[in-house]
Amino acid sequence: MNQERAAIIELLSNGKRPGEILKLLHIPKSRRKIVYRTIQRYNKTGGHKRYAKKRSTKVGTTPRLKKVVIDRIRRNPRRSLRKMASELKVSHGSMQNLVKNDLHLKSFKRRTVHFLSEKIVNKETCLKQGHAARLATQPLENTIFSEEKLFTIEEATNKQMIEN
């Protein structure tokens, strides 16, 4: 690629026009932009080397923001990142990057699941044993199966993810 750009600049300095350079170097029409971009770069910089890429600077994650987020997570580890981002007027993505990359924490979504206490488990086993005994004595045609159940919904969190 660099040899091709060097050849384009050599022909340009010899007084050839872009259309003639395309024909002389047998560059297909699908790649003709390379000639025009190389000429443009040569006129701007005086060479054919690529521009140095600029590194993006961190705008959203300031040391002050980092400290505030650490303090809030310490106070309440179950804190929502979305709510914290909106309160601090930072984008959700910046907040995720701050927590994941800078603070090296793993965020997770809390979810509500069915809570099985010992009382419910014992009751279920008794009911199952009773159903099995009734099925042994009664014919199957007289038995009705149902999926009805009372559910207790509680929030389940992974205790290992929460730092004390």
N, C-alpha and C. Protein backbone atom coordinates (compact mmCIF):
# COMPACT_ATOMS: atom_id res chain seq x y z
N MET A 1 0.83 -1.18 0.00
CA MET A 1 0.00 0.00 0.00
C MET A 1 0.87 1.25 0.00
N ASN A 2 1.93 1.26 0.82
CA ASN A 2 2.82 2.42 0.87
C ASN A 2 3.58 2.61 -0.44
N GLN A 3 3.93 1.47 -1.10
CA GLN A 3 4.61 1.57 -2.39
C GLN A 3 3.69 2.19 -3.44
N GLU A 4 2.42 1.82 -3.36
CA GLU A 4 1.44 2.36 -4.29
C GLU A 4 1.29 3.87 -4.08
N ARG A 5 1.23 4.29 -2.81
CA ARG A 5 1.11 5.72 -2.52
C ARG A 5 2.37 6.47 -2.97
N ALA A 6 3.53 5.86 -2.77
CA ALA A 6 4.78 6.49 -3.20
C ALA A 6 4.80 6.65 -4.72
N ALA A 7 4.30 5.64 -5.44
CA ALA A 7 4.24 5.71 -6.90
C ALA A 7 3.27 6.80 -7.36
N ILE A 8 2.15 6.95 -6.64
CA ILE A 8 1.17 7.99 -6.98
C ILE A 8 1.80 9.37 -6.82
N ILE A 9 2.53 9.58 -5.73
CA ILE A 9 3.17 10.88 -5.49
C ILE A 9 4.28 11.14 -6.51
N GLU A 10 5.00 10.11 -6.88
CA GLU A 10 6.07 10.25 -7.89
C GLU A 10 5.48 10.70 -9.22
N LEU A 11 4.38 10.04 -9.65
CA LEU A 11 3.74 10.42 -10.90
C LEU A 11 3.13 11.82 -10.82
N LEU A 12 2.58 12.18 -9.65
CA LEU A 12 2.01 13.50 -9.47
C LEU A 12 3.08 14.57 -9.58
N SER A 13 4.24 14.33 -8.98
CA SER A 13 5.33 15.32 -9.05
C SER A 13 5.91 15.42 -10.47
N ASN A 14 5.72 14.38 -11.30
CA ASN A 14 6.16 14.42 -12.69
C ASN A 14 5.13 15.14 -13.58
N GLY A 15 4.04 15.61 -13.00
CA GLY A 15 3.07 16.40 -13.75
C GLY A 15 1.90 15.61 -14.29
N LYS A 16 1.71 14.37 -13.85
CA LYS A 16 0.58 13.57 -14.32
C LYS A 16 -0.68 13.97 -13.55
N ARG A 17 -1.82 13.85 -14.23
CA ARG A 17 -3.10 14.16 -13.60
C ARG A 17 -3.68 12.88 -12.99
N PRO A 18 -4.63 13.01 -12.05
CA PRO A 18 -5.16 11.83 -11.37
C PRO A 18 -5.71 10.76 -12.30
N GLY A 19 -6.40 11.16 -13.37
CA GLY A 19 -6.93 10.18 -14.32
C GLY A 19 -5.83 9.40 -15.01
N GLU A 20 -4.72 10.09 -15.36
CA GLU A 20 -3.59 9.42 -16.01
C GLU A 20 -2.89 8.47 -15.04
N ILE A 21 -2.81 8.87 -13.76
CA ILE A 21 -2.18 8.02 -12.74
C ILE A 21 -2.97 6.72 -12.59
N LEU A 22 -4.30 6.82 -12.61
CA LEU A 22 -5.15 5.63 -12.51
C LEU A 22 -4.86 4.65 -13.65
N LYS A 23 -4.72 5.18 -14.86
CA LYS A 23 -4.48 4.32 -16.03
C LYS A 23 -3.07 3.74 -16.01
N LEU A 24 -2.07 4.56 -15.64
CA LEU A 24 -0.69 4.08 -15.64
C LEU A 24 -0.45 2.99 -14.59
N LEU A 25 -1.07 3.12 -13.43
CA LEU A 25 -0.85 2.13 -12.35
C LEU A 25 -1.87 0.99 -12.39
N HIS A 26 -2.77 1.03 -13.38
CA HIS A 26 -3.80 0.00 -13.54
C HIS A 26 -4.62 -0.19 -12.26
N ILE A 27 -5.05 0.91 -11.69
CA ILE A 27 -5.88 0.87 -10.48
C ILE A 27 -7.33 0.78 -10.92
N PRO A 28 -8.08 -0.23 -10.44
CA PRO A 28 -9.48 -0.37 -10.84
C PRO A 28 -10.33 0.79 -10.31
N LYS A 29 -11.49 0.96 -10.93
CA LYS A 29 -12.37 2.07 -10.55
C LYS A 29 -12.84 1.96 -9.11
N SER A 30 -12.93 0.74 -8.62
CA SER A 30 -13.41 0.55 -7.25
C SER A 30 -12.42 1.09 -6.21
N ARG A 31 -11.14 1.27 -6.61
CA ARG A 31 -10.12 1.76 -5.68
C ARG A 31 -9.56 3.12 -6.08
N ARG A 32 -10.29 3.88 -6.89
CA ARG A 32 -9.74 5.14 -7.38
C ARG A 32 -9.67 6.20 -6.28
N LYS A 33 -10.39 6.02 -5.18
CA LYS A 33 -10.33 6.99 -4.08
C LYS A 33 -8.93 7.09 -3.51
N ILE A 34 -8.18 5.99 -3.57
CA ILE A 34 -6.83 6.00 -3.01
C ILE A 34 -5.96 7.06 -3.69
N VAL A 35 -6.16 7.24 -4.98
CA VAL A 35 -5.36 8.25 -5.71
C VAL A 35 -5.72 9.64 -5.22
N TYR A 36 -7.01 9.92 -5.16
CA TYR A 36 -7.44 11.27 -4.76
C TYR A 36 -7.09 11.55 -3.30
N ARG A 37 -7.24 10.56 -2.44
CA ARG A 37 -6.91 10.76 -1.02
C ARG A 37 -5.41 10.91 -0.81
N THR A 38 -4.61 10.18 -1.57
CA THR A 38 -3.16 10.30 -1.45
C THR A 38 -2.70 11.68 -1.92
N ILE A 39 -3.29 12.16 -3.00
CA ILE A 39 -2.95 13.51 -3.49
C ILE A 39 -3.36 14.56 -2.46
N GLN A 40 -4.54 14.39 -1.90
CA GLN A 40 -5.02 15.33 -0.89
C GLN A 40 -4.09 15.33 0.34
N ARG A 41 -3.68 14.14 0.78
CA ARG A 41 -2.78 14.03 1.92
C ARG A 41 -1.42 14.65 1.61
N TYR A 42 -0.95 14.43 0.37
CA TYR A 42 0.35 14.98 -0.04
C TYR A 42 0.30 16.51 -0.04
N ASN A 43 -0.80 17.07 -0.54
CA ASN A 43 -0.94 18.53 -0.57
C ASN A 43 -1.03 19.12 0.84
N LYS A 44 -1.65 18.39 1.78
CA LYS A 44 -1.79 18.88 3.15
C LYS A 44 -0.50 18.75 3.95
N THR A 45 0.11 17.56 3.90
CA THR A 45 1.24 17.26 4.81
C THR A 45 2.59 17.25 4.11
N GLY A 46 2.60 17.08 2.82
CA GLY A 46 3.87 17.01 2.10
C GLY A 46 4.44 15.60 2.04
N GLY A 47 3.68 14.61 2.47
CA GLY A 47 4.14 13.21 2.44
C GLY A 47 2.96 12.29 2.19
N HIS A 48 3.23 10.98 2.21
CA HIS A 48 2.15 10.03 1.97
C HIS A 48 1.86 9.15 3.18
N LYS A 49 2.53 9.41 4.29
CA LYS A 49 2.31 8.60 5.49
C LYS A 49 0.93 8.89 6.07
N ARG A 50 0.38 7.89 6.74
CA ARG A 50 -0.94 8.03 7.35
C ARG A 50 -0.87 9.00 8.53
N TYR A 51 -2.01 9.61 8.82
CA TYR A 51 -2.09 10.50 9.96
C TYR A 51 -1.96 9.70 11.24
N ALA A 52 -1.38 10.30 12.25
CA ALA A 52 -1.32 9.66 13.56
C ALA A 52 -2.72 9.67 14.16
N LYS A 53 -3.17 8.51 14.62
CA LYS A 53 -4.52 8.43 15.18
C LYS A 53 -4.54 9.09 16.55
N LYS A 54 -5.60 9.83 16.78
CA LYS A 54 -5.75 10.48 18.08
C LYS A 54 -6.39 9.49 19.04
N ARG A 55 -5.87 9.46 20.24
CA ARG A 55 -6.46 8.61 21.26
C ARG A 55 -7.58 9.37 21.93
N SER A 56 -8.67 8.68 22.17
CA SER A 56 -9.79 9.34 22.81
C SER A 56 -9.48 9.55 24.29
N THR A 57 -9.85 10.70 24.78
CA THR A 57 -9.63 10.99 26.19
C THR A 57 -10.91 10.70 26.96
N LYS A 58 -10.75 10.30 28.20
CA LYS A 58 -11.92 10.02 29.03
C LYS A 58 -12.53 11.34 29.46
N VAL A 59 -13.75 11.55 29.05
CA VAL A 59 -14.42 12.80 29.37
C VAL A 59 -15.36 12.60 30.56
N GLY A 60 -16.11 11.51 30.54
CA GLY A 60 -17.14 11.32 31.54
C GLY A 60 -16.66 10.84 32.89
N THR A 61 -15.54 10.13 32.94
CA THR A 61 -15.11 9.53 34.20
C THR A 61 -14.00 10.36 34.83
N THR A 62 -14.39 11.34 35.59
CA THR A 62 -13.43 12.20 36.28
C THR A 62 -13.11 11.59 37.65
N PRO A 63 -12.00 11.97 38.26
CA PRO A 63 -11.68 11.46 39.60
C PRO A 63 -12.78 11.77 40.63
N ARG A 64 -13.40 12.94 40.50
CA ARG A 64 -14.48 13.30 41.42
C ARG A 64 -15.66 12.36 41.27
N LEU A 65 -16.04 12.06 40.02
CA LEU A 65 -17.14 11.15 39.76
C LEU A 65 -16.82 9.75 40.29
N LYS A 66 -15.58 9.33 40.09
CA LYS A 66 -15.14 8.02 40.56
C LYS A 66 -15.31 7.90 42.07
N LYS A 67 -14.92 8.95 42.79
CA LYS A 67 -15.02 8.95 44.25
C LYS A 67 -16.48 8.92 44.70
N VAL A 68 -17.33 9.69 44.02
CA VAL A 68 -18.75 9.73 44.37
C VAL A 68 -19.38 8.36 44.16
N VAL A 69 -19.06 7.71 43.05
CA VAL A 69 -19.64 6.40 42.74
C VAL A 69 -19.17 5.37 43.77
N ILE A 70 -17.89 5.40 44.13
CA ILE A 70 -17.36 4.46 45.13
C ILE A 70 -18.11 4.63 46.45
N ASP A 71 -18.29 5.88 46.87
CA ASP A 71 -18.99 6.15 48.13
C ASP A 71 -20.44 5.65 48.09
N ARG A 72 -21.11 5.87 46.98
CA ARG A 72 -22.51 5.45 46.86
C ARG A 72 -22.64 3.93 46.84
N ILE A 73 -21.71 3.26 46.18
CA ILE A 73 -21.76 1.80 46.13
C ILE A 73 -21.42 1.22 47.50
N ARG A 74 -20.49 1.86 48.23
CA ARG A 74 -20.18 1.40 49.58
C ARG A 74 -21.39 1.53 50.50
N ARG A 75 -22.10 2.64 50.38
CA ARG A 75 -23.28 2.85 51.22
C ARG A 75 -24.38 1.84 50.91
N ASN A 76 -24.61 1.61 49.63
CA ASN A 76 -25.68 0.68 49.23
C ASN A 76 -25.22 -0.12 48.02
N PRO A 77 -24.71 -1.34 48.21
CA PRO A 77 -24.22 -2.14 47.08
C PRO A 77 -25.31 -2.58 46.11
N ARG A 78 -26.57 -2.51 46.53
CA ARG A 78 -27.67 -2.90 45.65
C ARG A 78 -28.14 -1.75 44.78
N ARG A 79 -27.41 -0.69 44.76
CA ARG A 79 -27.78 0.52 44.05
C ARG A 79 -27.85 0.29 42.54
N SER A 80 -28.84 0.86 41.89
CA SER A 80 -29.03 0.71 40.45
C SER A 80 -28.08 1.65 39.70
N LEU A 81 -27.38 1.11 38.70
CA LEU A 81 -26.47 1.94 37.90
C LEU A 81 -27.23 2.97 37.08
N ARG A 82 -28.38 2.59 36.56
CA ARG A 82 -29.17 3.52 35.75
C ARG A 82 -29.62 4.72 36.57
N LYS A 83 -30.10 4.44 37.80
CA LYS A 83 -30.55 5.55 38.65
C LYS A 83 -29.38 6.43 39.05
N MET A 84 -28.25 5.80 39.37
CA MET A 84 -27.07 6.56 39.76
C MET A 84 -26.59 7.42 38.59
N ALA A 85 -26.63 6.87 37.38
CA ALA A 85 -26.20 7.62 36.21
C ALA A 85 -27.11 8.83 35.97
N SER A 86 -28.41 8.64 36.12
CA SER A 86 -29.32 9.77 35.90
C SER A 86 -29.18 10.82 37.00
N GLU A 87 -28.93 10.39 38.24
CA GLU A 87 -28.75 11.35 39.33
C GLU A 87 -27.48 12.17 39.15
N LEU A 88 -26.42 11.53 38.67
CA LEU A 88 -25.14 12.22 38.49
C LEU A 88 -25.02 12.87 37.11
N LYS A 89 -26.06 12.75 36.30
CA LYS A 89 -26.10 13.34 34.95
C LYS A 89 -24.95 12.85 34.07
N VAL A 90 -24.79 11.52 34.07
CA VAL A 90 -23.79 10.84 33.24
C VAL A 90 -24.53 9.79 32.44
N SER A 91 -24.04 9.46 31.25
CA SER A 91 -24.71 8.44 30.45
C SER A 91 -24.57 7.07 31.11
N HIS A 92 -25.52 6.21 30.81
CA HIS A 92 -25.51 4.85 31.38
C HIS A 92 -24.25 4.09 30.96
N GLY A 93 -23.83 4.26 29.71
CA GLY A 93 -22.63 3.59 29.21
C GLY A 93 -21.37 4.04 29.94
N SER A 94 -21.27 5.35 30.21
CA SER A 94 -20.11 5.86 30.95
C SER A 94 -20.08 5.29 32.36
N MET A 95 -21.26 5.17 32.97
CA MET A 95 -21.34 4.62 34.31
C MET A 95 -20.93 3.15 34.31
N GLN A 96 -21.38 2.40 33.31
CA GLN A 96 -21.00 0.99 33.20
C GLN A 96 -19.49 0.84 33.02
N ASN A 97 -18.90 1.67 32.15
CA ASN A 97 -17.45 1.61 31.93
C ASN A 97 -16.68 1.97 33.19
N LEU A 98 -17.15 2.95 33.93
CA LEU A 98 -16.50 3.36 35.16
C LEU A 98 -16.49 2.22 36.16
N VAL A 99 -17.64 1.59 36.35
CA VAL A 99 -17.76 0.52 37.34
C VAL A 99 -16.96 -0.71 36.90
N LYS A 100 -17.04 -1.05 35.63
CA LYS A 100 -16.39 -2.27 35.13
C LYS A 100 -14.88 -2.10 34.96
N ASN A 101 -14.47 -1.06 34.24
CA ASN A 101 -13.05 -0.92 33.88
C ASN A 101 -12.22 -0.21 34.94
N ASP A 102 -12.76 0.85 35.55
CA ASP A 102 -11.96 1.62 36.50
C ASP A 102 -12.04 1.06 37.92
N LEU A 103 -13.23 0.67 38.35
CA LEU A 103 -13.40 0.17 39.72
C LEU A 103 -13.26 -1.34 39.80
N HIS A 104 -13.24 -2.01 38.67
CA HIS A 104 -13.10 -3.47 38.58
C HIS A 104 -14.17 -4.19 39.40
N LEU A 105 -15.42 -3.74 39.26
CA LEU A 105 -16.56 -4.38 39.91
C LEU A 105 -17.44 -5.00 38.85
N LYS A 106 -18.20 -6.00 39.24
CA LYS A 106 -19.14 -6.63 38.32
C LYS A 106 -20.54 -6.21 38.71
N SER A 107 -21.26 -5.66 37.76
CA SER A 107 -22.64 -5.29 38.03
C SER A 107 -23.55 -6.43 37.60
N PHE A 108 -24.67 -6.52 38.26
CA PHE A 108 -25.63 -7.55 37.92
C PHE A 108 -27.03 -7.01 38.12
N LYS A 109 -27.99 -7.62 37.47
CA LYS A 109 -29.37 -7.17 37.57
C LYS A 109 -30.07 -8.01 38.62
N ARG A 110 -30.72 -7.33 39.57
CA ARG A 110 -31.49 -8.05 40.57
C ARG A 110 -32.76 -8.54 39.93
N ARG A 111 -33.22 -9.67 40.36
CA ARG A 111 -34.44 -10.21 39.79
C ARG A 111 -35.29 -10.82 40.90
N THR A 112 -36.57 -10.85 40.71
CA THR A 112 -37.47 -11.44 41.68
C THR A 112 -37.75 -12.87 41.29
N VAL A 113 -37.67 -13.76 42.27
CA VAL A 113 -37.88 -15.18 42.02
C VAL A 113 -38.79 -15.74 43.10
N HIS A 114 -39.27 -16.94 42.91
CA HIS A 114 -40.12 -17.60 43.89
C HIS A 114 -39.28 -17.99 45.09
N PHE A 115 -39.78 -17.66 46.29
CA PHE A 115 -39.05 -17.94 47.52
C PHE A 115 -39.60 -19.22 48.14
N LEU A 116 -38.78 -20.23 48.31
CA LEU A 116 -39.19 -21.49 48.93
C LEU A 116 -38.62 -21.56 50.34
N SER A 117 -39.48 -21.40 51.32
CA SER A 117 -39.03 -21.52 52.70
C SER A 117 -39.13 -22.99 53.11
N GLU A 118 -38.60 -23.31 54.29
CA GLU A 118 -38.66 -24.69 54.79
C GLU A 118 -40.11 -25.13 54.98
N LYS A 119 -40.94 -24.21 55.44
CA LYS A 119 -42.34 -24.52 55.68
C LYS A 119 -43.04 -24.95 54.38
N ILE A 120 -42.79 -24.20 53.31
CA ILE A 120 -43.41 -24.51 52.01
C ILE A 120 -42.90 -25.84 51.48
N VAL A 121 -41.58 -26.10 51.62
CA VAL A 121 -41.00 -27.35 51.13
C VAL A 121 -41.61 -28.54 51.85
N ASN A 122 -41.74 -28.44 53.19
CA ASN A 122 -42.32 -29.54 53.97
C ASN A 122 -43.77 -29.77 53.58
N LYS A 123 -44.51 -28.70 53.37
CA LYS A 123 -45.91 -28.81 52.98
C LYS A 123 -46.04 -29.49 51.62
N GLU A 124 -45.15 -29.10 50.69
CA GLU A 124 -45.18 -29.69 49.34
C GLU A 124 -44.88 -31.19 49.38
N THR A 125 -43.91 -31.60 50.20
CA THR A 125 -43.57 -33.03 50.26
C THR A 125 -44.73 -33.82 50.86
N CYS A 126 -45.40 -33.26 51.89
CA CYS A 126 -46.57 -33.94 52.48
C CYS A 126 -47.68 -34.09 51.45
N LEU A 127 -47.92 -33.01 50.68
CA LEU A 127 -48.96 -33.08 49.65
C LEU A 127 -48.63 -34.11 48.58
N LYS A 128 -47.37 -34.17 48.19
CA LYS A 128 -46.97 -35.14 47.16
C LYS A 128 -47.15 -36.56 47.66
N GLN A 129 -46.80 -36.81 48.94
CA GLN A 129 -46.96 -38.15 49.50
C GLN A 129 -48.44 -38.53 49.58
N GLY A 130 -49.27 -37.54 49.93
CA GLY A 130 -50.72 -37.79 49.99
C GLY A 130 -51.28 -38.10 48.61
N HIS A 131 -50.83 -37.36 47.60
CA HIS A 131 -51.28 -37.61 46.22
C HIS A 131 -50.87 -39.00 45.76
N ALA A 132 -49.65 -39.40 46.10
CA ALA A 132 -49.17 -40.72 45.70
C ALA A 132 -50.00 -41.81 46.35
N ALA A 133 -50.36 -41.63 47.63
CA ALA A 133 -51.17 -42.63 48.34
C ALA A 133 -52.57 -42.72 47.72
N ARG A 134 -53.17 -41.55 47.39
CA ARG A 134 -54.49 -41.54 46.79
C ARG A 134 -54.48 -42.17 45.40
N LEU A 135 -53.41 -41.91 44.63
CA LEU A 135 -53.31 -42.49 43.28
C LEU A 135 -53.21 -44.01 43.33
N ALA A 136 -52.62 -44.53 44.40
CA ALA A 136 -52.48 -45.98 44.52
C ALA A 136 -53.83 -46.64 44.77
N THR A 137 -54.73 -45.94 45.48
CA THR A 137 -56.02 -46.56 45.81
C THR A 137 -57.13 -46.20 44.84
N GLN A 138 -57.14 -44.98 44.29
CA GLN A 138 -58.21 -44.54 43.41
C GLN A 138 -57.83 -44.75 41.95
N PRO A 139 -58.84 -44.95 41.10
CA PRO A 139 -58.53 -45.04 39.67
C PRO A 139 -58.11 -43.67 39.12
N LEU A 140 -57.31 -43.67 38.08
CA LEU A 140 -56.74 -42.44 37.51
C LEU A 140 -57.80 -41.52 36.91
N GLU A 141 -58.94 -42.06 36.50
CA GLU A 141 -59.99 -41.25 35.87
C GLU A 141 -60.61 -40.26 36.86
N ASN A 142 -60.58 -40.58 38.14
CA ASN A 142 -61.21 -39.72 39.16
C ASN A 142 -60.25 -38.65 39.68
N THR A 143 -59.01 -38.60 39.21
CA THR A 143 -58.01 -37.67 39.72
C THR A 143 -57.92 -36.46 38.81
N ILE A 144 -57.91 -35.28 39.42
CA ILE A 144 -57.78 -34.03 38.67
C ILE A 144 -56.42 -33.42 39.02
N PHE A 145 -55.65 -33.07 37.99
CA PHE A 145 -54.34 -32.45 38.19
C PHE A 145 -54.47 -30.96 37.97
N SER A 146 -53.87 -30.19 38.85
CA SER A 146 -53.97 -28.74 38.77
C SER A 146 -52.60 -28.12 39.03
N GLU A 147 -52.39 -26.93 38.48
CA GLU A 147 -51.13 -26.22 38.65
C GLU A 147 -51.28 -25.02 39.57
N GLU A 148 -52.35 -24.97 40.37
CA GLU A 148 -52.59 -23.81 41.22
C GLU A 148 -51.63 -23.81 42.40
N LYS A 149 -51.15 -22.62 42.74
CA LYS A 149 -50.22 -22.49 43.86
C LYS A 149 -50.14 -21.04 44.27
N LEU A 150 -49.93 -20.79 45.54
CA LEU A 150 -49.70 -19.44 46.03
C LEU A 150 -48.21 -19.17 45.96
N PHE A 151 -47.83 -18.03 45.38
CA PHE A 151 -46.43 -17.70 45.22
C PHE A 151 -46.07 -16.53 46.11
N THR A 152 -44.91 -16.60 46.69
CA THR A 152 -44.35 -15.48 47.43
C THR A 152 -43.18 -14.98 46.60
N ILE A 153 -43.25 -13.76 46.13
CA ILE A 153 -42.19 -13.22 45.29
C ILE A 153 -41.26 -12.38 46.15
N GLU A 154 -39.99 -12.72 46.14
CA GLU A 154 -38.98 -11.96 46.87
C GLU A 154 -37.80 -11.71 45.96
N GLU A 155 -37.03 -10.74 46.33
CA GLU A 155 -35.86 -10.41 45.54
C GLU A 155 -34.72 -11.33 45.94
N ALA A 156 -34.14 -12.01 44.98
CA ALA A 156 -33.02 -12.90 45.26
C ALA A 156 -31.75 -12.28 44.71
N THR A 157 -30.75 -12.18 45.53
CA THR A 157 -29.47 -11.63 45.07
C THR A 157 -28.38 -12.62 45.37
N ASN A 158 -27.35 -12.56 44.59
CA ASN A 158 -26.20 -13.41 44.79
C ASN A 158 -25.34 -12.77 45.88
N LYS A 159 -25.27 -13.40 47.04
CA LYS A 159 -24.57 -12.83 48.19
C LYS A 159 -23.08 -12.68 47.92
N GLN A 160 -22.53 -13.50 47.03
CA GLN A 160 -21.10 -13.44 46.76
C GLN A 160 -20.72 -12.16 46.02
N MET A 161 -21.70 -11.57 45.31
CA MET A 161 -21.40 -10.37 44.53
C MET A 161 -21.37 -9.11 45.38
N ILE A 162 -21.97 -9.18 46.58
CA ILE A 162 -22.06 -8.00 47.42
C ILE A 162 -20.90 -7.99 48.41
N GLU A 163 -20.12 -6.93 48.37
CA GLU A 163 -19.00 -6.81 49.29
C GLU A 163 -19.50 -6.25 50.61
N ASN A 164 -18.97 -6.76 51.71
CA ASN A 164 -19.37 -6.25 53.02
C ASN A 164 -18.56 -5.07 53.43
